[in-house]
């Protein structure tokens, strides 16, 4: 979802904030004293993936506004659930945040019982941005476009395998959609994080992967991976020659990975406000803009209310997608 889409969300964001997120009152002096010690951004995935890259870029710049160090702590596992649950249980004082991703909105609908509730367990800070999801294959796979890939999968059922960064992540959901839309048999191989996928994909141990473009862009440009199609409504600016799945005849193949900063529910509004300002300032830094744009990240920013509205719509849409496509935990 791009900035233009966020403006539509903001129309009902104020209502969403009141009904979905609870931000209690806090003493006025908290505005002046926060933060007094380092802040930690928990990335619920191993190092090396897109959430990790984005978190480290933002932390480097936002520390100047907050006059405190910002640490990045990778707590991967269970498709991101371990790190997200960890933050939901921490002290709601503004010193621990989570870099949430697409899987954060998937887990409540995919797992039974739900591991957490975004609406009840978290307070929104800021939507960082979105990235294109691109299907990449190892060059040994005899396909250079969607039609060739589907044809190969149908004539060699079960031979192709696809990695994901974990059950419930955008790569997993996109794979399940492709299997249903194209009616193909492709084995799913879940990893414990995107960083672990890269080596096996490049080495040919796995055939294909719906990757976040920032993480795979260099390998695409250097010819070590082949970009088959973008799982978005539009082509990606960083790889303009790669078509979308819709252009290839699969209009329902739309998965938009996103990244947003959340704090535990009950975090004082004063702390949320300072954090929001600091990270928005970081997104406006020319160096950050250049670095993230070069990676293919569509920057968002904005208010906590905008993120609240976005999350309300996103969790609803994903719940419907999972239900309609009968996607379950393996």
C-alpha atoms as a PDB file:
ATOM      1  CA  UNK A   1       0.000   0.000   0.000  1.00  0.00           C
ATOM      2  CA  UNK A   2       1.460   3.326  -1.065  1.00  0.00           C
ATOM      3  CA  UNK A   3       1.096   6.797   0.437  1.00  0.00           C
ATOM      4  CA  UNK A   4      -1.991   7.511  -1.683  1.00  0.00           C
ATOM      5  CA  UNK A   5      -3.720   4.477  -0.154  1.00  0.00           C
ATOM      6  CA  UNK A   6      -2.856   5.676   3.323  1.00  0.00           C
ATOM      7  CA  UNK A   7      -4.847   8.837   2.772  1.00  0.00           C
ATOM      8  CA  UNK A   8      -7.931   6.724   2.220  1.00  0.00           C
ATOM      9  CA  UNK A   9      -7.219   4.867   5.457  1.00  0.00           C
ATOM     10  CA  UNK A  10      -6.958   8.091   7.414  1.00  0.00           C
ATOM     11  CA  UNK A  11     -10.604   8.879   6.802  1.00  0.00           C
ATOM     12  CA  UNK A  12     -11.644   6.283   9.322  1.00  0.00           C
ATOM     13  CA  UNK A  13      -8.402   6.073  11.247  1.00  0.00           C
ATOM     14  CA  UNK A  14      -9.624   8.229  14.125  1.00  0.00           C
ATOM     15  CA  UNK A  15     -12.544   5.881  14.655  1.00  0.00           C
ATOM     16  CA  UNK A  16     -10.253   2.892  14.405  1.00  0.00           C
ATOM     17  CA  UNK A  17      -7.954   4.310  17.024  1.00  0.00           C
ATOM     18  CA  UNK A  18     -10.776   4.787  19.467  1.00  0.00           C
ATOM     19  CA  UNK A  19     -12.367   1.407  18.847  1.00  0.00           C
ATOM     20  CA  UNK A  20      -9.336  -0.739  18.182  1.00  0.00           C
ATOM     21  CA  UNK A  21      -6.332   0.699  20.006  1.00  0.00           C
ATOM     22  CA  UNK A  22      -6.320   2.001  23.537  1.00  0.00           C
ATOM     23  CA  UNK A  23      -3.835   4.747  24.372  1.00  0.00           C
ATOM     24  CA  UNK A  24      -4.248   5.770  28.017  1.00  0.00           C
ATOM     25  CA  UNK A  25      -3.437   9.145  29.482  1.00  0.00           C
ATOM     26  CA  UNK A  26       0.049   9.801  30.815  1.00  0.00           C
ATOM     27  CA  UNK A  27       1.676  12.432  33.029  1.00  0.00           C
ATOM     28  CA  UNK A  28       2.761  15.572  31.150  1.00  0.00           C
ATOM     29  CA  UNK A  29       6.302  15.281  32.458  1.00  0.00           C
ATOM     30  CA  UNK A  30       6.760  12.062  30.419  1.00  0.00           C
ATOM     31  CA  UNK A  31       6.970  14.277  27.335  1.00  0.00           C
ATOM     32  CA  UNK A  32      10.105  15.884  28.725  1.00  0.00           C
ATOM     33  CA  UNK A  33      11.806  12.813  30.211  1.00  0.00           C
ATOM     34  CA  UNK A  34      11.352  10.150  27.538  1.00  0.00           C
ATOM     35  CA  UNK A  35      13.640   8.511  26.544  1.00  0.00           C
ATOM     36  CA  UNK A  36      16.178   8.183  29.323  1.00  0.00           C
ATOM     37  CA  UNK A  37      17.854   4.974  28.140  1.00  0.00           C
ATOM     38  CA  UNK A  38      18.412   2.996  24.928  1.00  0.00           C
ATOM     39  CA  UNK A  39      15.433   1.799  22.919  1.00  0.00           C
ATOM     40  CA  UNK A  40      15.208  -1.672  21.390  1.00  0.00           C
ATOM     41  CA  UNK A  41      13.523  -2.585  18.119  1.00  0.00           C
ATOM     42  CA  UNK A  42      12.756  -6.286  18.087  1.00  0.00           C
ATOM     43  CA  UNK A  43      12.831  -7.794  14.610  1.00  0.00           C
ATOM     44  CA  UNK A  44      10.866 -11.066  14.855  1.00  0.00           C
ATOM     45  CA  UNK A  45      12.962 -12.673  12.131  1.00  0.00           C
ATOM     46  CA  UNK A  46      16.627 -13.639  11.772  1.00  0.00           C
ATOM     47  CA  UNK A  47      19.140 -11.075  10.550  1.00  0.00           C
ATOM     48  CA  UNK A  48      19.472 -10.416   6.839  1.00  0.00           C
ATOM     49  CA  UNK A  49      15.836 -10.103   5.779  1.00  0.00           C
ATOM     50  CA  UNK A  50      14.002  -6.953   4.713  1.00  0.00           C
ATOM     51  CA  UNK A  51      12.577  -6.115   8.188  1.00  0.00           C
ATOM     52  CA  UNK A  52      16.083  -6.337   9.621  1.00  0.00           C
ATOM     53  CA  UNK A  53      17.563  -4.123   6.895  1.00  0.00           C
ATOM     54  CA  UNK A  54      14.876  -1.469   7.326  1.00  0.00           C
ATOM     55  CA  UNK A  55      15.062  -1.516  11.130  1.00  0.00           C
ATOM     56  CA  UNK A  56      18.818  -0.948  11.119  1.00  0.00           C
ATOM     57  CA  UNK A  57      18.628   1.895   8.597  1.00  0.00           C
ATOM     58  CA  UNK A  58      15.940   3.676  10.637  1.00  0.00           C
ATOM     59  CA  UNK A  59      17.630   3.044  13.980  1.00  0.00           C
ATOM     60  CA  UNK A  60      20.821   4.645  12.743  1.00  0.00           C
ATOM     61  CA  UNK A  61      19.043   7.934  11.936  1.00  0.00           C
ATOM     62  CA  UNK A  62      16.294   8.090  14.567  1.00  0.00           C
ATOM     63  CA  UNK A  63      18.802   7.939  17.421  1.00  0.00           C
ATOM     64  CA  UNK A  64      19.807  11.539  16.628  1.00  0.00           C
ATOM     65  CA  UNK A  65      16.280  12.817  17.293  1.00  0.00           C
ATOM     66  CA  UNK A  66      15.855  10.774  20.476  1.00  0.00           C
ATOM     67  CA  UNK A  67      19.401  11.348  21.801  1.00  0.00           C
ATOM     68  CA  UNK A  68      19.566   7.690  22.723  1.00  0.00           C
ATOM     69  CA  UNK A  69      20.964   4.548  21.176  1.00  0.00           C
ATOM     70  CA  UNK A  70      18.478   2.348  19.301  1.00  0.00           C
ATOM     71  CA  UNK A  71      19.353  -1.321  19.356  1.00  0.00           C
ATOM     72  CA  UNK A  72      18.062  -3.960  16.929  1.00  0.00           C
ATOM     73  CA  UNK A  73      17.386  -7.369  18.484  1.00  0.00           C
ATOM     74  CA  UNK A  74      16.554 -10.317  16.227  1.00  0.00           C
ATOM     75  CA  UNK A  75      14.157 -12.767  17.865  1.00  0.00           C
ATOM     76  CA  UNK A  76      13.150 -15.107  15.067  1.00  0.00           C
ATOM     77  CA  UNK A  77      11.089 -18.273  15.132  1.00  0.00           C
ATOM     78  CA  UNK A  78       7.571 -19.593  14.541  1.00  0.00           C
ATOM     79  CA  UNK A  79       7.015 -17.365  11.516  1.00  0.00           C
ATOM     80  CA  UNK A  80       7.655 -14.253  13.586  1.00  0.00           C
ATOM     81  CA  UNK A  81       5.299 -15.198  16.414  1.00  0.00           C
ATOM     82  CA  UNK A  82       8.027 -15.569  19.050  1.00  0.00           C
ATOM     83  CA  UNK A  83       9.352 -12.038  18.664  1.00  0.00           C
ATOM     84  CA  UNK A  84       5.914 -10.455  18.341  1.00  0.00           C
ATOM     85  CA  UNK A  85       4.597 -12.237  21.430  1.00  0.00           C
ATOM     86  CA  UNK A  86       7.728 -11.256  23.340  1.00  0.00           C
ATOM     87  CA  UNK A  87       7.103  -7.558  22.698  1.00  0.00           C
ATOM     88  CA  UNK A  88       3.395  -7.860  23.564  1.00  0.00           C
ATOM     89  CA  UNK A  89       4.425  -8.990  27.050  1.00  0.00           C
ATOM     90  CA  UNK A  90       7.106  -6.387  27.719  1.00  0.00           C
ATOM     91  CA  UNK A  91       6.698  -3.325  29.905  1.00  0.00           C
ATOM     92  CA  UNK A  92       4.639  -0.741  27.949  1.00  0.00           C
ATOM     93  CA  UNK A  93       7.044   2.119  28.552  1.00  0.00           C
ATOM     94  CA  UNK A  94       8.116   2.914  25.004  1.00  0.00           C
ATOM     95  CA  UNK A  95      11.538   1.307  25.257  1.00  0.00           C
ATOM     96  CA  UNK A  96      10.671  -1.879  23.350  1.00  0.00           C
ATOM     97  CA  UNK A  97       9.147  -1.863  19.871  1.00  0.00           C
ATOM     98  CA  UNK A  98       8.569  -4.521  17.243  1.00  0.00           C
ATOM     99  CA  UNK A  99       9.156  -4.172  13.515  1.00  0.00           C
ATOM    100  CA  UNK A 100       5.980  -5.903  12.429  1.00  0.00           C
ATOM    101  CA  UNK A 101       5.599  -7.329   8.949  1.00  0.00           C
ATOM    102  CA  UNK A 102       2.908  -8.942   6.818  1.00  0.00           C
ATOM    103  CA  UNK A 103       2.925 -12.106   8.933  1.00  0.00           C
ATOM    104  CA  UNK A 104       1.855 -10.088  11.986  1.00  0.00           C
ATOM    105  CA  UNK A 105      -1.541  -9.623  10.375  1.00  0.00           C
ATOM    106  CA  UNK A 106      -1.652 -13.226   9.167  1.00  0.00           C
ATOM    107  CA  UNK A 107      -1.026 -15.070  12.435  1.00  0.00           C
ATOM    108  CA  UNK A 108      -4.282 -14.109  14.224  1.00  0.00           C
ATOM    109  CA  UNK A 109      -6.320 -15.692  11.398  1.00  0.00           C
ATOM    110  CA  UNK A 110      -4.003 -18.568  10.488  1.00  0.00           C
ATOM    111  CA  UNK A 111      -3.311 -20.062  13.908  1.00  0.00           C
ATOM    112  CA  UNK A 112      -5.860 -21.535  16.288  1.00  0.00           C
ATOM    113  CA  UNK A 113      -5.870 -20.260  18.937  1.00  0.00           C
ATOM    114  CA  UNK A 114      -4.572 -16.890  17.790  1.00  0.00           C
ATOM    115  CA  UNK A 115      -1.129 -16.179  19.289  1.00  0.00           C
ATOM    116  CA  UNK A 116      -1.982 -12.503  19.838  1.00  0.00           C
ATOM    117  CA  UNK A 117      -4.311  -9.720  18.782  1.00  0.00           C
ATOM    118  CA  UNK A 118      -2.808  -6.736  17.001  1.00  0.00           C
ATOM    119  CA  UNK A 119      -5.780  -4.617  18.059  1.00  0.00           C
ATOM    120  CA  UNK A 120      -5.698  -5.527  21.763  1.00  0.00           C
ATOM    121  CA  UNK A 121      -2.027  -6.240  22.429  1.00  0.00           C
ATOM    122  CA  UNK A 122      -0.310  -3.395  20.577  1.00  0.00           C
ATOM    123  CA  UNK A 123      -0.259   0.370  20.151  1.00  0.00           C
ATOM    124  CA  UNK A 124       0.613   1.687  16.666  1.00  0.00           C
ATOM    125  CA  UNK A 125       3.655   3.898  16.182  1.00  0.00           C
ATOM    126  CA  UNK A 126       4.223   4.317  12.440  1.00  0.00           C
ATOM    127  CA  UNK A 127       3.790   2.528   9.128  1.00  0.00           C
ATOM    128  CA  UNK A 128       7.289   2.430   7.659  1.00  0.00           C
ATOM    129  CA  UNK A 129       6.515   1.328   4.137  1.00  0.00           C
ATOM    130  CA  UNK A 130       5.750  -1.440   1.701  1.00  0.00           C
ATOM    131  CA  UNK A 131       7.850  -3.463  -0.713  1.00  0.00           C
ATOM    132  CA  UNK A 132       7.035  -5.399  -3.852  1.00  0.00           C
ATOM    133  CA  UNK A 133       6.923  -9.189  -3.553  1.00  0.00           C
ATOM    134  CA  UNK A 134       8.708 -10.831  -6.478  1.00  0.00           C
ATOM    135  CA  UNK A 135       8.847 -14.489  -7.441  1.00  0.00           C
ATOM    136  CA  UNK A 136      12.484 -15.412  -8.048  1.00  0.00           C
ATOM    137  CA  UNK A 137      13.866 -18.739  -9.224  1.00  0.00           C
ATOM    138  CA  UNK A 138      17.285 -20.300  -9.362  1.00  0.00           C
ATOM    139  CA  UNK A 139      18.629 -20.032 -12.949  1.00  0.00           C
ATOM    140  CA  UNK A 140      18.637 -23.827 -13.265  1.00  0.00           C
ATOM    141  CA  UNK A 141      14.812 -23.800 -13.269  1.00  0.00           C
ATOM    142  CA  UNK A 142      13.765 -24.003 -16.949  1.00  0.00           C
ATOM    143  CA  UNK A 143      11.386 -21.047 -16.826  1.00  0.00           C
ATOM    144  CA  UNK A 144      11.803 -17.345 -17.511  1.00  0.00           C
ATOM    145  CA  UNK A 145       8.194 -16.219 -17.205  1.00  0.00           C
ATOM    146  CA  UNK A 146       4.964 -17.223 -15.490  1.00  0.00           C
ATOM    147  CA  UNK A 147       3.600 -19.247 -18.404  1.00  0.00           C
ATOM    148  CA  UNK A 148       6.768 -21.328 -18.633  1.00  0.00           C
ATOM    149  CA  UNK A 149       6.865 -21.851 -14.863  1.00  0.00           C
ATOM    150  CA  UNK A 150       3.234 -22.980 -14.682  1.00  0.00           C
ATOM    151  CA  UNK A 151       3.684 -25.260 -17.683  1.00  0.00           C
ATOM    152  CA  UNK A 152       6.771 -26.859 -16.142  1.00  0.00           C
ATOM    153  CA  UNK A 153       5.029 -27.315 -12.793  1.00  0.00           C
ATOM    154  CA  UNK A 154       2.042 -28.991 -14.458  1.00  0.00           C
ATOM    155  CA  UNK A 155       4.156 -31.346 -16.552  1.00  0.00           C
ATOM    156  CA  UNK A 156       6.429 -32.150 -13.587  1.00  0.00           C
ATOM    157  CA  UNK A 157       4.010 -32.235 -10.604  1.00  0.00           C
ATOM    158  CA  UNK A 158       5.743 -32.107  -7.249  1.00  0.00           C
ATOM    159  CA  UNK A 159       9.219 -31.600  -8.713  1.00  0.00           C
ATOM    160  CA  UNK A 160       9.482 -27.872  -8.002  1.00  0.00           C
ATOM    161  CA  UNK A 161       9.891 -26.714  -4.436  1.00  0.00           C
ATOM    162  CA  UNK A 162       9.454 -23.256  -2.979  1.00  0.00           C
ATOM    163  CA  UNK A 163      11.013 -21.781   0.133  1.00  0.00           C
ATOM    164  CA  UNK A 164       9.330 -19.454   2.569  1.00  0.00           C
ATOM    165  CA  UNK A 165      10.720 -17.481   5.485  1.00  0.00           C
ATOM    166  CA  UNK A 166       8.214 -19.223   7.746  1.00  0.00           C
ATOM    167  CA  UNK A 167       4.626 -20.417   7.883  1.00  0.00           C
ATOM    168  CA  UNK A 168       2.218 -17.511   7.600  1.00  0.00           C
ATOM    169  CA  UNK A 169       4.664 -15.087   6.033  1.00  0.00           C
ATOM    170  CA  UNK A 170       4.031 -13.291   2.766  1.00  0.00           C
ATOM    171  CA  UNK A 171       6.109 -15.873   0.851  1.00  0.00           C
ATOM    172  CA  UNK A 172       3.997 -18.724   2.202  1.00  0.00           C
ATOM    173  CA  UNK A 173       0.695 -16.983   1.490  1.00  0.00           C
ATOM    174  CA  UNK A 174       1.815 -16.043  -2.031  1.00  0.00           C
ATOM    175  CA  UNK A 175       2.871 -19.631  -2.753  1.00  0.00           C
ATOM    176  CA  UNK A 176      -0.468 -21.013  -1.595  1.00  0.00           C
ATOM    177  CA  UNK A 177      -2.248 -18.491  -3.802  1.00  0.00           C
ATOM    178  CA  UNK A 178      -0.149 -19.479  -6.813  1.00  0.00           C
ATOM    179  CA  UNK A 179      -0.824 -23.171  -6.233  1.00  0.00           C
ATOM    180  CA  UNK A 180      -4.557 -22.520  -6.131  1.00  0.00           C
ATOM    181  CA  UNK A 181      -4.776 -19.965  -8.940  1.00  0.00           C
ATOM    182  CA  UNK A 182      -2.552 -21.911 -11.366  1.00  0.00           C
ATOM    183  CA  UNK A 183      -3.630 -25.349 -10.075  1.00  0.00           C
ATOM    184  CA  UNK A 184      -0.060 -26.592  -9.696  1.00  0.00           C
ATOM    185  CA  UNK A 185       1.673 -28.917  -7.240  1.00  0.00           C
ATOM    186  CA  UNK A 186       4.719 -27.200  -5.701  1.00  0.00           C
ATOM    187  CA  UNK A 187       6.294 -28.370  -2.444  1.00  0.00           C
ATOM    188  CA  UNK A 188       6.530 -25.835   0.374  1.00  0.00           C
ATOM    189  CA  UNK A 189       9.772 -25.715   2.371  1.00  0.00           C
ATOM    190  CA  UNK A 190       9.470 -23.340   5.357  1.00  0.00           C
ATOM    191  CA  UNK A 191      12.684 -21.880   6.775  1.00  0.00           C
ATOM    192  CA  UNK A 192      13.257 -20.074  10.053  1.00  0.00           C
ATOM    193  CA  UNK A 193      13.920 -16.770   8.347  1.00  0.00           C
ATOM    194  CA  UNK A 194      14.636 -15.055   5.040  1.00  0.00           C
ATOM    195  CA  UNK A 195      18.355 -14.919   5.727  1.00  0.00           C
ATOM    196  CA  UNK A 196      18.559 -18.704   5.732  1.00  0.00           C
ATOM    197  CA  UNK A 197      16.698 -18.997   2.422  1.00  0.00           C
ATOM    198  CA  UNK A 198      19.181 -16.972   0.382  1.00  0.00           C
ATOM    199  CA  UNK A 199      22.078 -19.420   0.495  1.00  0.00           C
ATOM    200  CA  UNK A 200      19.986 -22.452  -0.433  1.00  0.00           C
ATOM    201  CA  UNK A 201      18.167 -20.584  -3.199  1.00  0.00           C
ATOM    202  CA  UNK A 202      21.421 -19.398  -4.744  1.00  0.00           C
ATOM    203  CA  UNK A 203      22.924 -22.860  -4.336  1.00  0.00           C
ATOM    204  CA  UNK A 204      19.973 -24.583  -5.965  1.00  0.00           C
ATOM    205  CA  UNK A 205      18.833 -26.545  -2.924  1.00  0.00           C
ATOM    206  CA  UNK A 206      15.457 -24.817  -3.356  1.00  0.00           C
ATOM    207  CA  UNK A 207      13.975 -23.755  -6.689  1.00  0.00           C
ATOM    208  CA  UNK A 208      11.883 -20.671  -6.056  1.00  0.00           C
ATOM    209  CA  UNK A 209      10.901 -18.058  -3.495  1.00  0.00           C
ATOM    210  CA  UNK A 210       8.471 -15.140  -3.218  1.00  0.00           C
ATOM    211  CA  UNK A 211      11.009 -12.670  -1.872  1.00  0.00           C
ATOM    212  CA  UNK A 212      10.725  -9.074  -0.739  1.00  0.00           C
ATOM    213  CA  UNK A 213      12.397  -7.147  -3.534  1.00  0.00           C
ATOM    214  CA  UNK A 214      14.958  -5.301  -1.350  1.00  0.00           C
ATOM    215  CA  UNK A 215      16.522  -8.571  -0.239  1.00  0.00           C
ATOM    216  CA  UNK A 216      16.805 -10.086  -3.722  1.00  0.00           C
ATOM    217  CA  UNK A 217      17.399  -7.032  -5.904  1.00  0.00           C
ATOM    218  CA  UNK A 218      21.195  -7.312  -6.090  1.00  0.00           C
ATOM    219  CA  UNK A 219      21.048 -11.005  -7.022  1.00  0.00           C
ATOM    220  CA  UNK A 220      18.449 -10.269  -9.702  1.00  0.00           C
ATOM    221  CA  UNK A 221      20.540  -7.516 -11.254  1.00  0.00           C
ATOM    222  CA  UNK A 222      23.669  -9.699 -11.168  1.00  0.00           C
ATOM    223  CA  UNK A 223      21.884 -12.629 -12.810  1.00  0.00           C
ATOM    224  CA  UNK A 224      22.196 -15.012  -9.884  1.00  0.00           C
ATOM    225  CA  UNK A 225      18.406 -15.169  -9.591  1.00  0.00           C
ATOM    226  CA  UNK A 226      15.715 -14.848 -12.245  1.00  0.00           C
ATOM    227  CA  UNK A 227      12.742 -12.595 -11.508  1.00  0.00           C
ATOM    228  CA  UNK A 228       9.593 -14.248 -12.884  1.00  0.00           C
ATOM    229  CA  UNK A 229       6.842 -11.816 -11.856  1.00  0.00           C
ATOM    230  CA  UNK A 230       5.826  -9.226  -9.284  1.00  0.00           C
ATOM    231  CA  UNK A 231       2.945 -10.126  -6.952  1.00  0.00           C
ATOM    232  CA  UNK A 232       1.565  -6.605  -6.844  1.00  0.00           C
ATOM    233  CA  UNK A 233      -0.884  -4.346  -8.650  1.00  0.00           C
ATOM    234  CA  UNK A 234       1.915  -2.504 -10.425  1.00  0.00           C
ATOM    235  CA  UNK A 235       5.375  -3.245 -11.745  1.00  0.00           C
ATOM    236  CA  UNK A 236       8.236  -2.440  -9.385  1.00  0.00           C
ATOM    237  CA  UNK A 237      10.243   0.667 -10.229  1.00  0.00           C
ATOM    238  CA  UNK A 238      13.495  -1.088  -9.388  1.00  0.00           C
ATOM    239  CA  UNK A 239      12.811  -3.878 -11.950  1.00  0.00           C
ATOM    240  CA  UNK A 240      10.503  -2.227 -14.500  1.00  0.00           C
ATOM    241  CA  UNK A 241      10.951  -4.958 -17.104  1.00  0.00           C
ATOM    242  CA  UNK A 242       9.479  -7.650 -14.833  1.00  0.00           C
ATOM    243  CA  UNK A 243       5.680  -8.004 -15.344  1.00  0.00           C
ATOM    244  CA  UNK A 244       3.057  -8.502 -12.679  1.00  0.00           C
ATOM    245  CA  UNK A 245       1.160 -11.751 -12.231  1.00  0.00           C
ATOM    246  CA  UNK A 246      -1.961  -9.888 -13.352  1.00  0.00           C
ATOM    247  CA  UNK A 247      -0.305  -9.166 -16.683  1.00  0.00           C
ATOM    248  CA  UNK A 248       0.425 -12.892 -16.952  1.00  0.00           C
ATOM    249  CA  UNK A 249      -3.216 -13.790 -16.401  1.00  0.00           C
ATOM    250  CA  UNK A 250      -3.413 -14.200 -12.620  1.00  0.00           C
ATOM    251  CA  UNK A 251      -5.108 -11.044 -11.255  1.00  0.00           C
ATOM    252  CA  UNK A 252      -5.673 -12.489  -7.776  1.00  0.00           C
ATOM    253  CA  UNK A 253      -1.943 -12.925  -7.231  1.00  0.00           C
ATOM    254  CA  UNK A 254      -1.504  -9.798  -5.113  1.00  0.00           C
ATOM    255  CA  UNK A 255       0.503  -9.916  -1.875  1.00  0.00           C
ATOM    256  CA  UNK A 256       1.892  -6.637  -0.524  1.00  0.00           C
ATOM    257  CA  UNK A 257       4.517  -7.049   2.215  1.00  0.00           C
ATOM    258  CA  UNK A 258       4.548  -4.115   4.622  1.00  0.00           C
ATOM    259  CA  UNK A 259       6.481  -3.036   7.704  1.00  0.00           C
ATOM    260  CA  UNK A 260       5.310  -1.050  10.699  1.00  0.00           C
ATOM    261  CA  UNK A 261       6.520  -0.190  14.175  1.00  0.00           C
ATOM    262  CA  UNK A 262       4.302  -1.207  17.097  1.00  0.00           C
ATOM    263  CA  UNK A 263       4.650  -0.833  20.850  1.00  0.00           C
ATOM    264  CA  UNK A 264       2.970  -2.885  23.587  1.00  0.00           C
ATOM    265  CA  UNK A 265      -0.603  -1.865  24.384  1.00  0.00           C
ATOM    266  CA  UNK A 266      -0.692   0.716  27.152  1.00  0.00           C
ATOM    267  CA  UNK A 267       2.436   2.556  26.057  1.00  0.00           C
ATOM    268  CA  UNK A 268       2.019   6.242  27.075  1.00  0.00           C
ATOM    269  CA  UNK A 269       0.874   8.521  24.233  1.00  0.00           C
ATOM    270  CA  UNK A 270       3.743  10.893  25.035  1.00  0.00           C
ATOM    271  CA  UNK A 271       6.257   8.166  24.287  1.00  0.00           C
ATOM    272  CA  UNK A 272       4.359   7.122  21.167  1.00  0.00           C
ATOM    273  CA  UNK A 273       4.384  10.716  19.969  1.00  0.00           C
ATOM    274  CA  UNK A 274       8.128  11.138  20.419  1.00  0.00           C
ATOM    275  CA  UNK A 275       8.849   7.852  18.710  1.00  0.00           C
ATOM    276  CA  UNK A 276       6.544   8.688  15.828  1.00  0.00           C
ATOM    277  CA  UNK A 277       8.243  12.054  15.319  1.00  0.00           C
ATOM    278  CA  UNK A 278      11.730  10.549  15.455  1.00  0.00           C
ATOM    279  CA  UNK A 279      10.999   7.805  12.937  1.00  0.00           C
ATOM    280  CA  UNK A 280       9.121  10.137  10.608  1.00  0.00           C
ATOM    281  CA  UNK A 281      12.136  12.443  10.701  1.00  0.00           C
ATOM    282  CA  UNK A 282      14.356   9.480   9.871  1.00  0.00           C
ATOM    283  CA  UNK A 283      12.223   8.646   6.825  1.00  0.00           C
ATOM    284  CA  UNK A 284      12.637  12.227   5.588  1.00  0.00           C
ATOM    285  CA  UNK A 285      16.424  12.052   5.792  1.00  0.00           C
ATOM    286  CA  UNK A 286      17.818  12.200   2.222  1.00  0.00           C
ATOM    287  CA  UNK A 287      20.286   9.392   2.896  1.00  0.00           C
ATOM    288  CA  UNK A 288      17.569   7.109   4.285  1.00  0.00           C
ATOM    289  CA  UNK A 289      15.279   7.930   1.368  1.00  0.00           C
ATOM    290  CA  UNK A 290      18.014   7.101  -1.091  1.00  0.00           C
ATOM    291  CA  UNK A 291      19.069   3.876   0.615  1.00  0.00           C
ATOM    292  CA  UNK A 292      15.563   2.502   0.998  1.00  0.00           C
ATOM    293  CA  UNK A 293      14.385   3.640  -2.418  1.00  0.00           C
ATOM    294  CA  UNK A 294      17.402   1.919  -3.943  1.00  0.00           C
ATOM    295  CA  UNK A 295      16.225  -1.256  -2.235  1.00  0.00           C
ATOM    296  CA  UNK A 296      12.731  -0.888  -3.669  1.00  0.00           C
ATOM    297  CA  UNK A 297      10.962   0.251  -0.485  1.00  0.00           C
ATOM    298  CA  UNK A 298       7.928   2.505  -0.954  1.00  0.00           C
ATOM    299  CA  UNK A 299       8.117   4.764   2.090  1.00  0.00           C
ATOM    300  CA  UNK A 300       4.971   5.581   4.070  1.00  0.00           C
ATOM    301  CA  UNK A 301       5.389   7.344   7.426  1.00  0.00           C
ATOM    302  CA  UNK A 302       2.508   9.259   8.963  1.00  0.00           C
ATOM    303  CA  UNK A 303       0.603   9.166  12.226  1.00  0.00           C
ATOM    304  CA  UNK A 304      -0.205   6.334  14.623  1.00  0.00           C
ATOM    305  CA  UNK A 305      -3.828   6.843  13.589  1.00  0.00           C
ATOM    306  CA  UNK A 306      -2.937   6.144   9.963  1.00  0.00           C
ATOM    307  CA  UNK A 307      -1.250   2.888  10.951  1.00  0.00           C
ATOM    308  CA  UNK A 308      -4.290   1.959  13.055  1.00  0.00           C
ATOM    309  CA  UNK A 309      -6.592   2.346  10.073  1.00  0.00           C
ATOM    310  CA  UNK A 310      -4.199   0.460   7.821  1.00  0.00           C
ATOM    311  CA  UNK A 311      -3.925  -2.464  10.246  1.00  0.00           C
ATOM    312  CA  UNK A 312      -7.664  -2.690  10.716  1.00  0.00           C
ATOM    313  CA  UNK A 313      -8.176  -3.018   6.962  1.00  0.00           C
ATOM    314  CA  UNK A 314      -5.164  -5.279   6.446  1.00  0.00           C
ATOM    315  CA  UNK A 315      -6.121  -7.818   9.115  1.00  0.00           C
ATOM    316  CA  UNK A 316      -9.649  -7.959   7.693  1.00  0.00           C
ATOM    317  CA  UNK A 317      -8.408  -8.463   4.123  1.00  0.00           C
ATOM    318  CA  UNK A 318      -5.934 -11.177   5.106  1.00  0.00           C
ATOM    319  CA  UNK A 319      -8.536 -13.017   7.190  1.00  0.00           C
ATOM    320  CA  UNK A 320     -10.809 -13.079   4.143  1.00  0.00           C
ATOM    321  CA  UNK A 321      -7.967 -14.257   1.898  1.00  0.00           C
ATOM    322  CA  UNK A 322      -7.089 -17.123   4.248  1.00  0.00           C
ATOM    323  CA  UNK A 323     -10.725 -18.175   4.535  1.00  0.00           C
ATOM    324  CA  UNK A 324     -11.506 -17.992   0.812  1.00  0.00           C
ATOM    325  CA  UNK A 325      -8.374 -19.886  -0.176  1.00  0.00           C
ATOM    326  CA  UNK A 326      -8.583 -22.451   2.634  1.00  0.00           C
ATOM    327  CA  UNK A 327      -5.019 -21.722   3.725  1.00  0.00           C
ATOM    328  CA  UNK A 328      -4.045 -23.662   6.844  1.00  0.00           C
ATOM    329  CA  UNK A 329      -0.957 -24.301   8.941  1.00  0.00           C
ATOM    330  CA  UNK A 330       0.953 -27.315   7.677  1.00  0.00           C
END
